[in-house]
Amino acid sequence: MLPTHPIPCPRCGRTLYHAVSLEGGIDAGAPECPRVERDAQGHYMRCPHCAERVAMQHLVTGRAEAWRIAGPTT
């Protein structure tokens, strides 16, 4: 298993999810991938600690798909 590092919530600073890559992405097909939802503003996940909506960016390279924090929370 590859080493992971925590990706903090932009609002509360607690761990939002763990990533393998230095870019903070997480494999969209991995069993440990957090739940990413979609609404009128785009893709997001809820922080399990502060319930803040965190915008997520969907990354696609060939057949691989991943998610990472898109920027400031909305």
N, C-alpha and C. Protein backbone atom coordinates (compact mmCIF):
# COMPACT_ATOMS: atom_id res chain seq x y z
N MET A 1 0.84 -1.18 0.00
CA MET A 1 0.00 0.00 0.00
C MET A 1 0.90 1.25 0.00
N LEU A 2 0.50 2.24 -0.79
CA LEU A 2 1.26 3.47 -0.87
C LEU A 2 0.98 4.37 0.32
N PRO A 3 1.97 5.17 0.72
CA PRO A 3 1.73 6.09 1.85
C PRO A 3 0.75 7.20 1.44
N THR A 4 -0.03 7.63 2.38
CA THR A 4 -1.00 8.71 2.14
C THR A 4 -0.70 9.88 3.06
N HIS A 5 -1.30 11.01 2.75
CA HIS A 5 -1.19 12.18 3.62
C HIS A 5 -2.56 12.84 3.70
N PRO A 6 -2.85 13.46 4.83
CA PRO A 6 -4.17 14.06 5.01
C PRO A 6 -4.33 15.34 4.19
N ILE A 7 -5.52 15.53 3.66
CA ILE A 7 -5.88 16.76 2.96
C ILE A 7 -6.86 17.49 3.88
N PRO A 8 -6.49 18.68 4.34
CA PRO A 8 -7.34 19.37 5.32
C PRO A 8 -8.52 20.10 4.67
N CYS A 9 -9.57 20.23 5.44
CA CYS A 9 -10.73 21.03 5.04
C CYS A 9 -10.28 22.48 4.97
N PRO A 10 -10.62 23.21 3.91
CA PRO A 10 -10.22 24.61 3.82
C PRO A 10 -10.84 25.50 4.91
N ARG A 11 -11.92 25.04 5.53
CA ARG A 11 -12.58 25.85 6.56
C ARG A 11 -12.09 25.55 7.97
N CYS A 12 -12.19 24.27 8.36
CA CYS A 12 -11.87 23.94 9.76
C CYS A 12 -10.46 23.38 9.96
N GLY A 13 -9.80 22.96 8.86
CA GLY A 13 -8.44 22.46 8.96
C GLY A 13 -8.32 21.00 9.35
N ARG A 14 -9.43 20.37 9.70
CA ARG A 14 -9.37 18.94 10.05
C ARG A 14 -9.35 18.12 8.77
N THR A 15 -8.99 16.85 8.87
CA THR A 15 -8.82 16.00 7.69
C THR A 15 -10.13 15.80 6.94
N LEU A 16 -10.11 16.17 5.65
CA LEU A 16 -11.25 15.97 4.76
C LEU A 16 -11.18 14.58 4.15
N TYR A 17 -9.98 14.20 3.68
CA TYR A 17 -9.72 12.87 3.15
C TYR A 17 -8.21 12.66 3.11
N HIS A 18 -7.77 11.46 2.75
CA HIS A 18 -6.35 11.15 2.62
C HIS A 18 -6.04 10.92 1.14
N ALA A 19 -4.90 11.44 0.68
CA ALA A 19 -4.50 11.32 -0.71
C ALA A 19 -3.13 10.68 -0.83
N VAL A 20 -2.90 10.02 -1.95
CA VAL A 20 -1.60 9.42 -2.24
C VAL A 20 -0.74 10.43 -2.98
N SER A 21 -1.33 11.18 -3.90
CA SER A 21 -0.55 12.09 -4.74
C SER A 21 -0.22 13.39 -4.03
N LEU A 22 0.84 14.02 -4.47
CA LEU A 22 1.23 15.31 -3.91
C LEU A 22 0.26 16.41 -4.32
N GLU A 23 -0.49 16.19 -5.39
CA GLU A 23 -1.46 17.18 -5.85
C GLU A 23 -2.75 17.12 -5.05
N GLY A 24 -2.86 16.19 -4.14
CA GLY A 24 -4.05 16.10 -3.29
C GLY A 24 -5.23 15.40 -3.92
N GLY A 25 -4.99 14.71 -5.03
CA GLY A 25 -6.07 13.99 -5.69
C GLY A 25 -6.32 12.64 -5.06
N ILE A 26 -7.53 12.14 -5.23
CA ILE A 26 -7.88 10.81 -4.75
C ILE A 26 -8.57 10.06 -5.87
N ASP A 27 -8.22 8.80 -6.05
CA ASP A 27 -8.78 7.95 -7.10
C ASP A 27 -10.29 7.87 -6.93
N ALA A 28 -11.03 8.28 -7.97
CA ALA A 28 -12.49 8.29 -7.90
C ALA A 28 -13.08 6.89 -7.77
N GLY A 29 -12.34 5.86 -8.21
CA GLY A 29 -12.83 4.49 -8.14
C GLY A 29 -12.40 3.73 -6.91
N ALA A 30 -11.62 4.34 -6.05
CA ALA A 30 -11.11 3.66 -4.85
C ALA A 30 -12.22 3.50 -3.82
N PRO A 31 -12.23 2.38 -3.12
CA PRO A 31 -13.26 2.17 -2.09
C PRO A 31 -13.23 3.23 -0.99
N GLU A 32 -12.05 3.78 -0.71
CA GLU A 32 -11.93 4.78 0.35
C GLU A 32 -12.21 6.20 -0.14
N CYS A 33 -12.58 6.35 -1.41
CA CYS A 33 -12.89 7.68 -1.96
C CYS A 33 -14.11 8.24 -1.24
N PRO A 34 -13.98 9.45 -0.72
CA PRO A 34 -15.13 10.05 -0.04
C PRO A 34 -16.26 10.34 -1.02
N ARG A 35 -17.44 10.47 -0.50
CA ARG A 35 -18.63 10.72 -1.33
C ARG A 35 -18.59 12.13 -1.91
N VAL A 36 -18.63 12.20 -3.23
CA VAL A 36 -18.66 13.47 -3.94
C VAL A 36 -20.05 13.60 -4.55
N GLU A 37 -20.69 14.73 -4.31
CA GLU A 37 -22.04 14.97 -4.82
C GLU A 37 -22.02 16.09 -5.85
N ARG A 38 -23.15 16.31 -6.49
CA ARG A 38 -23.26 17.37 -7.49
C ARG A 38 -24.56 18.14 -7.26
N ASP A 39 -24.47 19.46 -7.38
CA ASP A 39 -25.65 20.31 -7.32
C ASP A 39 -25.52 21.38 -8.40
N ALA A 40 -26.34 22.41 -8.35
CA ALA A 40 -26.33 23.46 -9.36
C ALA A 40 -24.98 24.19 -9.44
N GLN A 41 -24.21 24.20 -8.36
CA GLN A 41 -22.92 24.87 -8.34
C GLN A 41 -21.77 23.97 -8.78
N GLY A 42 -22.01 22.69 -8.94
CA GLY A 42 -20.98 21.76 -9.37
C GLY A 42 -20.74 20.64 -8.37
N HIS A 43 -19.60 19.99 -8.48
CA HIS A 43 -19.26 18.87 -7.60
C HIS A 43 -18.75 19.39 -6.26
N TYR A 44 -19.06 18.64 -5.21
CA TYR A 44 -18.64 19.03 -3.87
C TYR A 44 -18.67 17.84 -2.93
N MET A 45 -18.05 18.00 -1.78
CA MET A 45 -18.20 17.03 -0.69
C MET A 45 -18.42 17.83 0.58
N ARG A 46 -19.03 17.22 1.56
CA ARG A 46 -19.26 17.84 2.86
C ARG A 46 -18.16 17.40 3.81
N CYS A 47 -17.60 18.35 4.52
CA CYS A 47 -16.61 18.01 5.53
C CYS A 47 -17.32 17.22 6.63
N PRO A 48 -16.76 16.09 7.03
CA PRO A 48 -17.39 15.30 8.08
C PRO A 48 -17.31 15.96 9.46
N HIS A 49 -16.52 17.01 9.59
CA HIS A 49 -16.33 17.67 10.88
C HIS A 49 -17.15 18.94 11.03
N CYS A 50 -17.08 19.83 10.01
CA CYS A 50 -17.79 21.12 10.12
C CYS A 50 -18.98 21.23 9.17
N ALA A 51 -19.19 20.22 8.34
CA ALA A 51 -20.30 20.16 7.38
C ALA A 51 -20.23 21.23 6.29
N GLU A 52 -19.07 21.86 6.13
CA GLU A 52 -18.89 22.86 5.07
C GLU A 52 -18.91 22.20 3.70
N ARG A 53 -19.48 22.89 2.72
CA ARG A 53 -19.48 22.43 1.33
C ARG A 53 -18.10 22.77 0.75
N VAL A 54 -17.39 21.76 0.25
CA VAL A 54 -16.06 21.95 -0.32
C VAL A 54 -16.14 21.62 -1.81
N ALA A 55 -15.90 22.61 -2.66
CA ALA A 55 -15.95 22.41 -4.11
C ALA A 55 -14.85 21.44 -4.53
N MET A 56 -15.20 20.52 -5.43
CA MET A 56 -14.25 19.52 -5.91
C MET A 56 -14.09 19.60 -7.41
N GLN A 57 -12.90 19.30 -7.88
CA GLN A 57 -12.60 19.27 -9.31
C GLN A 57 -12.49 17.82 -9.74
N HIS A 58 -13.15 17.48 -10.84
CA HIS A 58 -13.11 16.13 -11.40
C HIS A 58 -11.98 16.08 -12.41
N LEU A 59 -11.04 15.18 -12.22
CA LEU A 59 -9.89 15.03 -13.10
C LEU A 59 -10.01 13.74 -13.88
N VAL A 60 -9.78 13.79 -15.18
CA VAL A 60 -9.83 12.60 -16.03
C VAL A 60 -8.58 12.56 -16.88
N THR A 61 -7.85 11.45 -16.81
CA THR A 61 -6.67 11.23 -17.63
C THR A 61 -6.78 9.84 -18.22
N GLY A 62 -7.08 9.76 -19.50
CA GLY A 62 -7.29 8.44 -20.11
C GLY A 62 -8.49 7.78 -19.46
N ARG A 63 -8.26 6.64 -18.84
CA ARG A 63 -9.34 5.92 -18.14
C ARG A 63 -9.37 6.20 -16.65
N ALA A 64 -8.36 6.90 -16.15
CA ALA A 64 -8.27 7.18 -14.71
C ALA A 64 -9.08 8.43 -14.36
N GLU A 65 -9.80 8.34 -13.26
CA GLU A 65 -10.57 9.48 -12.76
C GLU A 65 -10.18 9.75 -11.32
N ALA A 66 -10.15 11.03 -10.97
CA ALA A 66 -9.78 11.41 -9.61
C ALA A 66 -10.53 12.68 -9.23
N TRP A 67 -10.49 12.99 -7.93
CA TRP A 67 -11.08 14.21 -7.38
C TRP A 67 -10.02 14.94 -6.59
N ARG A 68 -10.10 16.28 -6.56
CA ARG A 68 -9.27 17.07 -5.67
C ARG A 68 -10.02 18.36 -5.37
N ILE A 69 -9.63 19.03 -4.31
CA ILE A 69 -10.26 20.28 -3.93
C ILE A 69 -10.08 21.29 -5.05
N ALA A 70 -11.17 21.93 -5.46
CA ALA A 70 -11.15 22.85 -6.59
C ALA A 70 -10.68 24.24 -6.22
N GLY A 71 -10.80 24.61 -5.00
CA GLY A 71 -10.43 25.96 -4.59
C GLY A 71 -11.19 26.34 -3.34
N PRO A 72 -11.51 27.61 -3.19
CA PRO A 72 -12.22 28.05 -1.99
C PRO A 72 -13.59 27.39 -1.88
N THR A 73 -14.04 27.23 -0.65
CA THR A 73 -15.36 26.65 -0.44
C THR A 73 -16.41 27.62 -0.95
N THR A 74 -17.57 27.05 -1.32
CA THR A 74 -18.66 27.89 -1.84
C THR A 74 -19.84 27.83 -0.94
